[in-house]
Amino acid sequence: MTATAECTANPPDMDESAIAAFERDYTALRRRARIGWAAGATLFFVVFMLTALLGDFFKVTQVTSLDGSREWRWIIPAGIPRLGEYIEKTIPVLRWESLGADVAEWFWRWKIWLGLLAETILIAFMATTLGVFGGFLLSFPAARNLAPRPWILFVSRRFLEIARTVPDLVWALIFVFCFSVGPMAGVLAIGLHATGALGKLYSEVNENIDMGPLEGVKAAGGTWFDQIRYGAIPQVLPNIISYTLLRFEINVRSSSIIGYVGAGGLGQEFRTAMSFQEYTDLSALFLIILMTVIVIDYSSERLRHAIIGMEARP
């Protein structure tokens, strides 16, 4: 009876000690987590304030009041009214009794703008094609789990980093210097930058695939190219299509601005409108680009759903 009583008494003691140890470990873990969050929040606040200071967010400047007097004010509340003033200048005068004439005056260069818009879309399309081709080919040797050799991984990643680190506007300046002004410089600039961006996205998708199919192809005697063709591509294809369509939308916006340095597209009209202070032309160009991006976004979504089979799902 004594042994039985001891056996029945020990489990509660053991449970209490285990619970106490768990509570101590949990308390220590929570303490470390709180310290980590506090340190991270402090570091974020310090970096944020330093960035704001370097960005002149706390700058105090002189502004001219309505009565002509000068006074010192914080730059942010002093500049916000100027933003509203600028936006007000871009809004055209539209009257109901002469709405057609006012809209015609607003879009007075619509024939030229539509031609440049078509050029902008073609630049984006060609640049996206080049970016997809280059990024797709380099994404497999740039993935850690798929690279055939370490040096190939290093070279592929460094090339993609250089291609996407240099802004497409800078690439455009370089190619305008090499090939003169025109759409070709814009295609090469956006295409090279898109290669770096898409190659990075594609390689991250490749690193998350299931390696089982590739091992099966390798066991059957397949080469590295066979493993990629039959084991990797079928897994990553839906994500590649999604990233490609998103990049095309981004490239349309980029190609509409890159003409600012002479690389073709609507960007040259933005430059002309800003140089001659044709503010209503800026709003007209903005609406044209906005409607284009909306149409492309809707079409890309429908196309993506059709490709991955979402339209057929209940």
C-alpha atoms as a PDB file:
ATOM      1  CA  MET A   1       0.000   0.000   0.000  1.00  0.00           C
ATOM      2  CA  THR A   2       2.883   2.354   0.804  1.00  0.00           C
ATOM      3  CA  ALA A   3       4.523   1.786  -2.584  1.00  0.00           C
ATOM      4  CA  THR A   4       1.226   2.323  -4.329  1.00  0.00           C
ATOM      5  CA  ALA A   5       0.655   5.538  -2.449  1.00  0.00           C
ATOM      6  CA  GLU A   6       4.140   6.770  -3.378  1.00  0.00           C
ATOM      7  CA  CYS A   7       3.533   5.976  -7.052  1.00  0.00           C
ATOM      8  CA  THR A   8       0.258   7.830  -7.042  1.00  0.00           C
ATOM      9  CA  ALA A   9       1.830  10.775  -5.254  1.00  0.00           C
ATOM     10  CA  ASN A  10       4.847  11.181  -7.575  1.00  0.00           C
ATOM     11  CA  PRO A  11       3.054  12.036 -10.839  1.00  0.00           C
ATOM     12  CA  PRO A  12       1.434  15.190  -9.437  1.00  0.00           C
ATOM     13  CA  ASP A  13       4.839  16.274  -8.088  1.00  0.00           C
ATOM     14  CA  MET A  14       6.445  15.618 -11.450  1.00  0.00           C
ATOM     15  CA  ASP A  15       3.633  17.492 -13.238  1.00  0.00           C
ATOM     16  CA  GLU A  16       4.054  20.477 -10.949  1.00  0.00           C
ATOM     17  CA  SER A  17       7.806  20.607 -11.549  1.00  0.00           C
ATOM     18  CA  ALA A  18       7.328  20.306 -15.319  1.00  0.00           C
ATOM     19  CA  ILE A  19       4.706  23.069 -15.278  1.00  0.00           C
ATOM     20  CA  ALA A  20       6.977  25.281 -13.190  1.00  0.00           C
ATOM     21  CA  ALA A  21       9.890  24.681 -15.593  1.00  0.00           C
ATOM     22  CA  PHE A  22       7.645  25.425 -18.571  1.00  0.00           C
ATOM     23  CA  GLU A  23       6.438  28.650 -16.976  1.00  0.00           C
ATOM     24  CA  ARG A  24      10.018  29.727 -16.254  1.00  0.00           C
ATOM     25  CA  ASP A  25      11.117  28.992 -19.834  1.00  0.00           C
ATOM     26  CA  TYR A  26       8.056  30.726 -21.253  1.00  0.00           C
ATOM     27  CA  THR A  27       8.631  33.783 -19.055  1.00  0.00           C
ATOM     28  CA  ALA A  28      12.271  33.949 -20.150  1.00  0.00           C
ATOM     29  CA  LEU A  29      11.242  33.573 -23.779  1.00  0.00           C
ATOM     30  CA  ARG A  30       8.682  36.370 -23.479  1.00  0.00           C
ATOM     31  CA  ARG A  31      11.275  38.567 -21.784  1.00  0.00           C
ATOM     32  CA  ARG A  32      13.761  38.004 -24.613  1.00  0.00           C
ATOM     33  CA  ALA A  33      11.025  38.649 -27.166  1.00  0.00           C
ATOM     34  CA  ARG A  34      10.055  41.931 -25.486  1.00  0.00           C
ATOM     35  CA  ILE A  35      13.692  43.007 -25.334  1.00  0.00           C
ATOM     36  CA  GLY A  36      14.115  42.128 -29.009  1.00  0.00           C
ATOM     37  CA  TRP A  37      10.987  44.050 -30.018  1.00  0.00           C
ATOM     38  CA  ALA A  38      12.048  47.038 -27.917  1.00  0.00           C
ATOM     39  CA  ALA A  39      15.533  47.044 -29.452  1.00  0.00           C
ATOM     40  CA  GLY A  40      14.103  46.681 -32.957  1.00  0.00           C
ATOM     41  CA  ALA A  41      11.557  49.452 -32.413  1.00  0.00           C
ATOM     42  CA  THR A  42      14.242  51.744 -30.999  1.00  0.00           C
ATOM     43  CA  LEU A  43      16.553  51.075 -33.929  1.00  0.00           C
ATOM     44  CA  PHE A  44      13.700  51.666 -36.392  1.00  0.00           C
ATOM     45  CA  PHE A  45      12.787  54.952 -34.685  1.00  0.00           C
ATOM     46  CA  VAL A  46      16.404  56.162 -34.709  1.00  0.00           C
ATOM     47  CA  VAL A  47      16.860  55.286 -38.405  1.00  0.00           C
ATOM     48  CA  PHE A  48      13.494  56.847 -39.247  1.00  0.00           C
ATOM     49  CA  MET A  49      14.310  60.095 -37.480  1.00  0.00           C
ATOM     50  CA  LEU A  50      17.783  60.207 -39.044  1.00  0.00           C
ATOM     51  CA  THR A  51      16.282  59.656 -42.502  1.00  0.00           C
ATOM     52  CA  ALA A  52      13.670  62.344 -41.891  1.00  0.00           C
ATOM     53  CA  LEU A  53      16.384  64.734 -40.764  1.00  0.00           C
ATOM     54  CA  LEU A  54      18.521  64.061 -43.840  1.00  0.00           C
ATOM     55  CA  GLY A  55      15.423  64.388 -46.029  1.00  0.00           C
ATOM     56  CA  ASP A  56      14.674  67.913 -44.722  1.00  0.00           C
ATOM     57  CA  PHE A  57      11.391  66.842 -43.112  1.00  0.00           C
ATOM     58  CA  PHE A  58      12.181  69.141 -40.183  1.00  0.00           C
ATOM     59  CA  LYS A  59      13.450  72.009 -42.311  1.00  0.00           C
ATOM     60  CA  VAL A  60      12.202  75.513 -41.552  1.00  0.00           C
ATOM     61  CA  THR A  61      12.096  77.946 -44.461  1.00  0.00           C
ATOM     62  CA  GLN A  62      10.830  81.396 -45.319  1.00  0.00           C
ATOM     63  CA  VAL A  63       7.495  81.697 -47.098  1.00  0.00           C
ATOM     64  CA  THR A  64       5.636  84.652 -48.543  1.00  0.00           C
ATOM     65  CA  SER A  65       2.220  85.378 -47.048  1.00  0.00           C
ATOM     66  CA  LEU A  66      -0.736  86.759 -48.971  1.00  0.00           C
ATOM     67  CA  ASP A  67       0.032  90.274 -47.750  1.00  0.00           C
ATOM     68  CA  GLY A  68       3.586  90.021 -49.099  1.00  0.00           C
ATOM     69  CA  SER A  69       5.300  89.592 -45.737  1.00  0.00           C
ATOM     70  CA  ARG A  70       7.939  86.927 -45.146  1.00  0.00           C
ATOM     71  CA  GLU A  71       7.820  84.545 -42.233  1.00  0.00           C
ATOM     72  CA  TRP A  72       9.577  81.379 -41.103  1.00  0.00           C
ATOM     73  CA  ARG A  73       7.491  78.220 -41.253  1.00  0.00           C
ATOM     74  CA  TRP A  74       7.928  74.454 -41.170  1.00  0.00           C
ATOM     75  CA  ILE A  75       8.407  73.283 -44.775  1.00  0.00           C
ATOM     76  CA  ILE A  76       5.737  70.541 -44.770  1.00  0.00           C
ATOM     77  CA  PRO A  77       2.680  72.645 -43.840  1.00  0.00           C
ATOM     78  CA  ALA A  78       4.108  75.461 -45.931  1.00  0.00           C
ATOM     79  CA  GLY A  79       4.462  73.273 -49.015  1.00  0.00           C
ATOM     80  CA  ILE A  80       1.147  71.388 -48.915  1.00  0.00           C
ATOM     81  CA  PRO A  81      -0.851  74.427 -50.151  1.00  0.00           C
ATOM     82  CA  ARG A  82       1.613  74.715 -53.060  1.00  0.00           C
ATOM     83  CA  LEU A  83       0.777  71.124 -53.974  1.00  0.00           C
ATOM     84  CA  GLY A  84      -2.898  71.979 -54.041  1.00  0.00           C
ATOM     85  CA  GLU A  85      -2.134  75.050 -56.143  1.00  0.00           C
ATOM     86  CA  TYR A  86      -0.212  72.947 -58.650  1.00  0.00           C
ATOM     87  CA  ILE A  87      -3.008  70.360 -58.914  1.00  0.00           C
ATOM     88  CA  GLU A  88      -5.533  73.157 -59.377  1.00  0.00           C
ATOM     89  CA  LYS A  89      -3.556  74.440 -62.360  1.00  0.00           C
ATOM     90  CA  THR A  90      -3.764  71.042 -64.062  1.00  0.00           C
ATOM     91  CA  ILE A  91      -7.574  70.924 -63.848  1.00  0.00           C
ATOM     92  CA  PRO A  92      -9.126  72.387 -67.004  1.00  0.00           C
ATOM     93  CA  VAL A  93     -12.160  74.648 -67.101  1.00  0.00           C
ATOM     94  CA  LEU A  94     -15.156  72.502 -68.058  1.00  0.00           C
ATOM     95  CA  ARG A  95     -18.529  74.147 -68.572  1.00  0.00           C
ATOM     96  CA  TRP A  96     -21.703  72.173 -69.166  1.00  0.00           C
ATOM     97  CA  GLU A  97     -22.943  74.450 -71.940  1.00  0.00           C
ATOM     98  CA  SER A  98     -19.654  74.067 -73.843  1.00  0.00           C
ATOM     99  CA  LEU A  99     -18.489  70.695 -72.533  1.00  0.00           C
ATOM    100  CA  GLY A 100     -17.597  69.253 -75.931  1.00  0.00           C
ATOM    101  CA  ALA A 101     -15.510  72.246 -76.919  1.00  0.00           C
ATOM    102  CA  ASP A 102     -13.808  72.355 -73.525  1.00  0.00           C
ATOM    103  CA  VAL A 103     -12.895  68.649 -73.677  1.00  0.00           C
ATOM    104  CA  ALA A 104     -11.666  69.097 -77.252  1.00  0.00           C
ATOM    105  CA  GLU A 105      -9.497  71.970 -76.097  1.00  0.00           C
ATOM    106  CA  TRP A 106      -8.241  69.884 -73.169  1.00  0.00           C
ATOM    107  CA  PHE A 107      -7.206  66.982 -75.443  1.00  0.00           C
ATOM    108  CA  TRP A 108      -6.186  69.231 -78.323  1.00  0.00           C
ATOM    109  CA  ARG A 109      -3.174  67.030 -79.233  1.00  0.00           C
ATOM    110  CA  TRP A 110      -5.019  63.738 -78.934  1.00  0.00           C
ATOM    111  CA  LYS A 111      -3.917  62.426 -82.330  1.00  0.00           C
ATOM    112  CA  ILE A 112      -0.262  62.937 -81.477  1.00  0.00           C
ATOM    113  CA  TRP A 113      -0.769  61.559 -77.969  1.00  0.00           C
ATOM    114  CA  LEU A 114      -2.480  58.399 -79.219  1.00  0.00           C
ATOM    115  CA  GLY A 115       0.393  57.769 -81.610  1.00  0.00           C
ATOM    116  CA  LEU A 116       2.907  58.216 -78.804  1.00  0.00           C
ATOM    117  CA  LEU A 117       0.745  56.054 -76.532  1.00  0.00           C
ATOM    118  CA  ALA A 118       0.895  53.234 -79.087  1.00  0.00           C
ATOM    119  CA  GLU A 119       4.655  53.707 -79.226  1.00  0.00           C
ATOM    120  CA  THR A 120       4.784  53.601 -75.424  1.00  0.00           C
ATOM    121  CA  ILE A 121       2.861  50.317 -75.267  1.00  0.00           C
ATOM    122  CA  LEU A 122       5.036  48.772 -77.970  1.00  0.00           C
ATOM    123  CA  ILE A 123       8.169  49.839 -76.104  1.00  0.00           C
ATOM    124  CA  ALA A 124       6.804  48.231 -72.947  1.00  0.00           C
ATOM    125  CA  PHE A 125       5.834  45.064 -74.823  1.00  0.00           C
ATOM    126  CA  MET A 126       9.210  44.659 -76.514  1.00  0.00           C
ATOM    127  CA  ALA A 127      11.084  45.489 -73.305  1.00  0.00           C
ATOM    128  CA  THR A 128       8.983  43.005 -71.315  1.00  0.00           C
ATOM    129  CA  THR A 129       9.686  40.318 -73.926  1.00  0.00           C
ATOM    130  CA  LEU A 130      13.433  40.917 -73.624  1.00  0.00           C
ATOM    131  CA  GLY A 131      13.177  41.022 -69.824  1.00  0.00           C
ATOM    132  CA  VAL A 132      11.210  37.774 -69.646  1.00  0.00           C
ATOM    133  CA  PHE A 133      13.621  36.027 -72.001  1.00  0.00           C
ATOM    134  CA  GLY A 134      16.730  37.151 -70.113  1.00  0.00           C
ATOM    135  CA  GLY A 135      15.272  36.830 -66.638  1.00  0.00           C
ATOM    136  CA  PHE A 136      13.823  33.374 -67.333  1.00  0.00           C
ATOM    137  CA  LEU A 137      17.092  31.983 -68.653  1.00  0.00           C
ATOM    138  CA  LEU A 138      19.169  33.433 -65.810  1.00  0.00           C
ATOM    139  CA  SER A 139      16.710  32.579 -63.029  1.00  0.00           C
ATOM    140  CA  PHE A 140      17.632  28.885 -63.003  1.00  0.00           C
ATOM    141  CA  PRO A 141      21.417  29.239 -62.637  1.00  0.00           C
ATOM    142  CA  ALA A 142      20.708  32.103 -60.173  1.00  0.00           C
ATOM    143  CA  ALA A 143      18.706  29.795 -57.850  1.00  0.00           C
ATOM    144  CA  ARG A 144      20.754  28.151 -55.101  1.00  0.00           C
ATOM    145  CA  ASN A 145      18.984  24.817 -55.416  1.00  0.00           C
ATOM    146  CA  LEU A 146      19.293  24.670 -59.218  1.00  0.00           C
ATOM    147  CA  ALA A 147      22.666  26.243 -60.065  1.00  0.00           C
ATOM    148  CA  PRO A 148      24.933  23.610 -61.644  1.00  0.00           C
ATOM    149  CA  ARG A 149      28.132  25.267 -60.367  1.00  0.00           C
ATOM    150  CA  PRO A 150      28.869  27.800 -57.579  1.00  0.00           C
ATOM    151  CA  TRP A 151      30.661  30.157 -59.954  1.00  0.00           C
ATOM    152  CA  ILE A 152      27.691  30.120 -62.329  1.00  0.00           C
ATOM    153  CA  LEU A 153      25.434  31.055 -59.391  1.00  0.00           C
ATOM    154  CA  PHE A 154      27.788  33.924 -58.480  1.00  0.00           C
ATOM    155  CA  VAL A 155      28.021  35.314 -62.027  1.00  0.00           C
ATOM    156  CA  SER A 156      24.272  35.030 -62.665  1.00  0.00           C
ATOM    157  CA  ARG A 157      23.328  36.785 -59.445  1.00  0.00           C
ATOM    158  CA  ARG A 158      25.840  39.585 -59.889  1.00  0.00           C
ATOM    159  CA  PHE A 159      24.614  40.274 -63.423  1.00  0.00           C
ATOM    160  CA  LEU A 160      20.977  40.406 -62.277  1.00  0.00           C
ATOM    161  CA  GLU A 161      21.933  42.716 -59.410  1.00  0.00           C
ATOM    162  CA  ILE A 162      23.744  45.128 -61.733  1.00  0.00           C
ATOM    163  CA  ALA A 163      20.876  45.094 -64.246  1.00  0.00           C
ATOM    164  CA  ARG A 164      18.224  46.016 -61.676  1.00  0.00           C
ATOM    165  CA  THR A 165      20.372  48.256 -59.464  1.00  0.00           C
ATOM    166  CA  VAL A 166      20.971  50.818 -62.221  1.00  0.00           C
ATOM    167  CA  PRO A 167      17.663  52.724 -62.727  1.00  0.00           C
ATOM    168  CA  ASP A 168      16.059  52.326 -66.121  1.00  0.00           C
ATOM    169  CA  LEU A 169      16.287  56.097 -66.596  1.00  0.00           C
ATOM    170  CA  VAL A 170      20.072  55.872 -66.254  1.00  0.00           C
ATOM    171  CA  TRP A 171      20.170  52.947 -68.672  1.00  0.00           C
ATOM    172  CA  ALA A 172      18.135  55.094 -71.063  1.00  0.00           C
ATOM    173  CA  LEU A 173      20.697  57.908 -70.860  1.00  0.00           C
ATOM    174  CA  ILE A 174      23.475  55.422 -71.617  1.00  0.00           C
ATOM    175  CA  PHE A 175      21.665  53.886 -74.582  1.00  0.00           C
ATOM    176  CA  VAL A 176      20.623  57.292 -75.926  1.00  0.00           C
ATOM    177  CA  PHE A 177      24.312  58.196 -75.904  1.00  0.00           C
ATOM    178  CA  CYS A 178      25.136  54.946 -77.740  1.00  0.00           C
ATOM    179  CA  PHE A 179      22.252  54.682 -80.215  1.00  0.00           C
ATOM    180  CA  SER A 180      20.857  58.242 -80.353  1.00  0.00           C
ATOM    181  CA  VAL A 181      17.327  59.239 -79.354  1.00  0.00           C
ATOM    182  CA  GLY A 182      14.389  57.011 -80.191  1.00  0.00           C
ATOM    183  CA  PRO A 183      12.397  53.993 -79.029  1.00  0.00           C
ATOM    184  CA  MET A 184      15.339  51.610 -79.341  1.00  0.00           C
ATOM    185  CA  ALA A 185      17.086  53.194 -76.378  1.00  0.00           C
ATOM    186  CA  GLY A 186      13.899  52.899 -74.327  1.00  0.00           C
ATOM    187  CA  VAL A 187      13.410  49.235 -75.232  1.00  0.00           C
ATOM    188  CA  LEU A 188      16.979  48.332 -74.288  1.00  0.00           C
ATOM    189  CA  ALA A 189      16.890  50.357 -71.064  1.00  0.00           C
ATOM    190  CA  ILE A 190      13.601  48.968 -69.757  1.00  0.00           C
ATOM    191  CA  GLY A 191      14.393  45.476 -71.056  1.00  0.00           C
ATOM    192  CA  LEU A 192      17.721  45.334 -69.229  1.00  0.00           C
ATOM    193  CA  HIS A 193      16.222  46.607 -66.001  1.00  0.00           C
ATOM    194  CA  ALA A 194      13.296  44.176 -66.344  1.00  0.00           C
ATOM    195  CA  THR A 195      15.769  41.326 -66.845  1.00  0.00           C
ATOM    196  CA  GLY A 196      17.313  42.026 -63.460  1.00  0.00           C
ATOM    197  CA  ALA A 197      13.983  42.459 -61.692  1.00  0.00           C
ATOM    198  CA  LEU A 198      12.259  39.445 -63.246  1.00  0.00           C
ATOM    199  CA  GLY A 199      15.352  37.268 -62.873  1.00  0.00           C
ATOM    200  CA  LYS A 200      15.319  37.988 -59.140  1.00  0.00           C
ATOM    201  CA  LEU A 201      11.609  37.184 -58.805  1.00  0.00           C
ATOM    202  CA  TYR A 202      11.832  34.065 -60.952  1.00  0.00           C
ATOM    203  CA  SER A 203      14.861  32.744 -59.038  1.00  0.00           C
ATOM    204  CA  GLU A 204      13.050  33.145 -55.715  1.00  0.00           C
ATOM    205  CA  VAL A 205      10.149  31.134 -57.133  1.00  0.00           C
ATOM    206  CA  ASN A 206      12.619  28.479 -58.302  1.00  0.00           C
ATOM    207  CA  GLU A 207      14.119  28.183 -54.831  1.00  0.00           C
ATOM    208  CA  ASN A 208      10.711  27.257 -53.363  1.00  0.00           C
ATOM    209  CA  ILE A 209       9.912  24.368 -55.706  1.00  0.00           C
ATOM    210  CA  ASP A 210       9.646  20.701 -54.742  1.00  0.00           C
ATOM    211  CA  MET A 211      12.932  18.999 -55.666  1.00  0.00           C
ATOM    212  CA  GLY A 212      11.316  15.552 -55.890  1.00  0.00           C
ATOM    213  CA  PRO A 213      10.393  15.754 -59.605  1.00  0.00           C
ATOM    214  CA  LEU A 214      13.896  16.953 -60.474  1.00  0.00           C
ATOM    215  CA  GLU A 215      15.464  14.067 -58.551  1.00  0.00           C
ATOM    216  CA  GLY A 216      13.172  11.679 -60.424  1.00  0.00           C
ATOM    217  CA  VAL A 217      14.283  13.078 -63.791  1.00  0.00           C
ATOM    218  CA  LYS A 218      17.918  12.867 -62.687  1.00  0.00           C
ATOM    219  CA  ALA A 219      17.477   9.263 -61.532  1.00  0.00           C
ATOM    220  CA  ALA A 220      16.055   8.411 -64.953  1.00  0.00           C
ATOM    221  CA  GLY A 221      19.253   9.697 -66.571  1.00  0.00           C
ATOM    222  CA  GLY A 222      18.124  13.204 -67.437  1.00  0.00           C
ATOM    223  CA  THR A 223      20.583  16.061 -67.818  1.00  0.00           C
ATOM    224  CA  TRP A 224      20.440  19.352 -65.929  1.00  0.00           C
ATOM    225  CA  PHE A 225      18.430  20.860 -68.760  1.00  0.00           C
ATOM    226  CA  ASP A 226      16.008  17.919 -68.629  1.00  0.00           C
ATOM    227  CA  GLN A 227      15.537  18.471 -64.895  1.00  0.00           C
ATOM    228  CA  ILE A 228      14.720  22.123 -65.492  1.00  0.00           C
ATOM    229  CA  ARG A 229      12.432  21.397 -68.440  1.00  0.00           C
ATOM    230  CA  TYR A 230      10.401  18.566 -66.908  1.00  0.00           C
ATOM    231  CA  GLY A 231      10.854  19.089 -63.162  1.00  0.00           C
ATOM    232  CA  ALA A 232      11.072  22.831 -62.508  1.00  0.00           C
ATOM    233  CA  ILE A 233       9.244  24.728 -65.258  1.00  0.00           C
ATOM    234  CA  PRO A 234       5.842  23.048 -64.767  1.00  0.00           C
ATOM    235  CA  GLN A 235       5.929  24.055 -61.088  1.00  0.00           C
ATOM    236  CA  VAL A 236       6.926  27.688 -61.565  1.00  0.00           C
ATOM    237  CA  LEU A 237       4.984  28.511 -64.727  1.00  0.00           C
ATOM    238  CA  PRO A 238       1.859  30.008 -63.020  1.00  0.00           C
ATOM    239  CA  ASN A 239       3.967  32.351 -60.866  1.00  0.00           C
ATOM    240  CA  ILE A 240       6.123  33.323 -63.834  1.00  0.00           C
ATOM    241  CA  ILE A 241       3.035  34.287 -65.820  1.00  0.00           C
ATOM    242  CA  SER A 242       1.721  36.363 -62.918  1.00  0.00           C
ATOM    243  CA  TYR A 243       5.026  38.207 -62.428  1.00  0.00           C
ATOM    244  CA  THR A 244       5.363  38.756 -66.180  1.00  0.00           C
ATOM    245  CA  LEU A 245       1.963  40.399 -66.523  1.00  0.00           C
ATOM    246  CA  LEU A 246       2.650  42.571 -63.486  1.00  0.00           C
ATOM    247  CA  ARG A 247       5.984  43.610 -64.951  1.00  0.00           C
ATOM    248  CA  PHE A 248       4.344  44.539 -68.248  1.00  0.00           C
ATOM    249  CA  GLU A 249       2.052  46.935 -66.382  1.00  0.00           C
ATOM    250  CA  ILE A 250       5.074  48.434 -64.601  1.00  0.00           C
ATOM    251  CA  ASN A 251       6.944  48.765 -67.892  1.00  0.00           C
ATOM    252  CA  VAL A 252       4.058  50.684 -69.452  1.00  0.00           C
ATOM    253  CA  ARG A 253       4.407  53.302 -66.729  1.00  0.00           C
ATOM    254  CA  SER A 254       8.183  53.309 -67.084  1.00  0.00           C
ATOM    255  CA  SER A 255       8.052  53.688 -70.867  1.00  0.00           C
ATOM    256  CA  SER A 256       5.682  56.642 -70.487  1.00  0.00           C
ATOM    257  CA  ILE A 257       8.324  58.471 -68.455  1.00  0.00           C
ATOM    258  CA  ILE A 258      11.549  57.252 -70.005  1.00  0.00           C
ATOM    259  CA  GLY A 259      10.924  59.365 -73.099  1.00  0.00           C
ATOM    260  CA  TYR A 260      11.776  62.347 -70.880  1.00  0.00           C
ATOM    261  CA  VAL A 261      15.426  61.717 -71.792  1.00  0.00           C
ATOM    262  CA  GLY A 262      14.705  61.072 -75.465  1.00  0.00           C
ATOM    263  CA  ALA A 263      13.960  57.343 -75.369  1.00  0.00           C
ATOM    264  CA  GLY A 264      10.579  57.551 -77.129  1.00  0.00           C
ATOM    265  CA  GLY A 265       7.002  57.355 -75.915  1.00  0.00           C
ATOM    266  CA  LEU A 266       4.806  59.833 -74.075  1.00  0.00           C
ATOM    267  CA  GLY A 267       7.639  61.000 -71.866  1.00  0.00           C
ATOM    268  CA  GLN A 268       8.715  63.609 -74.387  1.00  0.00           C
ATOM    269  CA  GLU A 269       5.228  65.141 -74.191  1.00  0.00           C
ATOM    270  CA  PHE A 270       5.551  65.330 -70.404  1.00  0.00           C
ATOM    271  CA  ARG A 271       8.822  67.139 -70.834  1.00  0.00           C
ATOM    272  CA  THR A 272       7.347  69.558 -73.358  1.00  0.00           C
ATOM    273  CA  ALA A 273       4.284  70.260 -71.213  1.00  0.00           C
ATOM    274  CA  MET A 274       6.383  70.907 -68.110  1.00  0.00           C
ATOM    275  CA  SER A 275       8.872  73.084 -70.002  1.00  0.00           C
ATOM    276  CA  PHE A 276       6.128  75.310 -71.425  1.00  0.00           C
ATOM    277  CA  GLN A 277       4.024  75.109 -68.236  1.00  0.00           C
ATOM    278  CA  GLU A 278       1.061  73.590 -70.074  1.00  0.00           C
ATOM    279  CA  TYR A 279      -0.484  72.268 -66.884  1.00  0.00           C
ATOM    280  CA  THR A 280      -3.747  71.068 -68.413  1.00  0.00           C
ATOM    281  CA  ASP A 281      -1.751  68.975 -70.880  1.00  0.00           C
ATOM    282  CA  LEU A 282      -0.180  67.208 -67.920  1.00  0.00           C
ATOM    283  CA  SER A 283      -3.575  66.214 -66.535  1.00  0.00           C
ATOM    284  CA  ALA A 284      -4.700  65.039 -69.986  1.00  0.00           C
ATOM    285  CA  LEU A 285      -1.574  62.880 -70.338  1.00  0.00           C
ATOM    286  CA  PHE A 286      -2.089  61.554 -66.829  1.00  0.00           C
ATOM    287  CA  LEU A 287      -5.651  60.491 -67.644  1.00  0.00           C
ATOM    288  CA  ILE A 288      -4.494  58.779 -70.831  1.00  0.00           C
ATOM    289  CA  ILE A 289      -1.868  56.778 -68.953  1.00  0.00           C
ATOM    290  CA  LEU A 290      -4.290  56.013 -66.104  1.00  0.00           C
ATOM    291  CA  MET A 291      -6.923  54.601 -68.441  1.00  0.00           C
ATOM    292  CA  THR A 292      -4.260  52.605 -70.272  1.00  0.00           C
ATOM    293  CA  VAL A 293      -2.975  51.076 -67.028  1.00  0.00           C
ATOM    294  CA  ILE A 294      -6.545  50.233 -65.914  1.00  0.00           C
ATOM    295  CA  VAL A 295      -7.267  48.454 -69.204  1.00  0.00           C
ATOM    296  CA  ILE A 296      -3.961  46.583 -69.084  1.00  0.00           C
ATOM    297  CA  ASP A 297      -4.485  45.600 -65.450  1.00  0.00           C
ATOM    298  CA  TYR A 298      -7.985  44.256 -66.150  1.00  0.00           C
ATOM    299  CA  SER A 299      -6.864  42.425 -69.280  1.00  0.00           C
ATOM    300  CA  SER A 300      -3.855  40.942 -67.480  1.00  0.00           C
ATOM    301  CA  GLU A 301      -6.042  39.704 -64.652  1.00  0.00           C
ATOM    302  CA  ARG A 302      -8.461  38.012 -67.049  1.00  0.00           C
ATOM    303  CA  LEU A 303      -5.588  36.486 -69.007  1.00  0.00           C
ATOM    304  CA  ARG A 304      -3.872  35.228 -65.873  1.00  0.00           C
ATOM    305  CA  HIS A 305      -7.085  33.652 -64.583  1.00  0.00           C
ATOM    306  CA  ALA A 306      -7.721  32.014 -67.943  1.00  0.00           C
ATOM    307  CA  ILE A 307      -4.218  30.556 -68.070  1.00  0.00           C
ATOM    308  CA  ILE A 308      -4.213  29.112 -64.548  1.00  0.00           C
ATOM    309  CA  GLY A 309      -7.789  27.853 -64.898  1.00  0.00           C
ATOM    310  CA  MET A 310      -9.562  30.099 -62.395  1.00  0.00           C
ATOM    311  CA  GLU A 311     -12.316  30.971 -64.856  1.00  0.00           C
ATOM    312  CA  ALA A 312     -13.368  27.329 -64.963  1.00  0.00           C
ATOM    313  CA  ARG A 313     -13.544  26.956 -61.178  1.00  0.00           C
ATOM    314  CA  PRO A 314     -16.933  27.134 -59.470  1.00  0.00           C
END
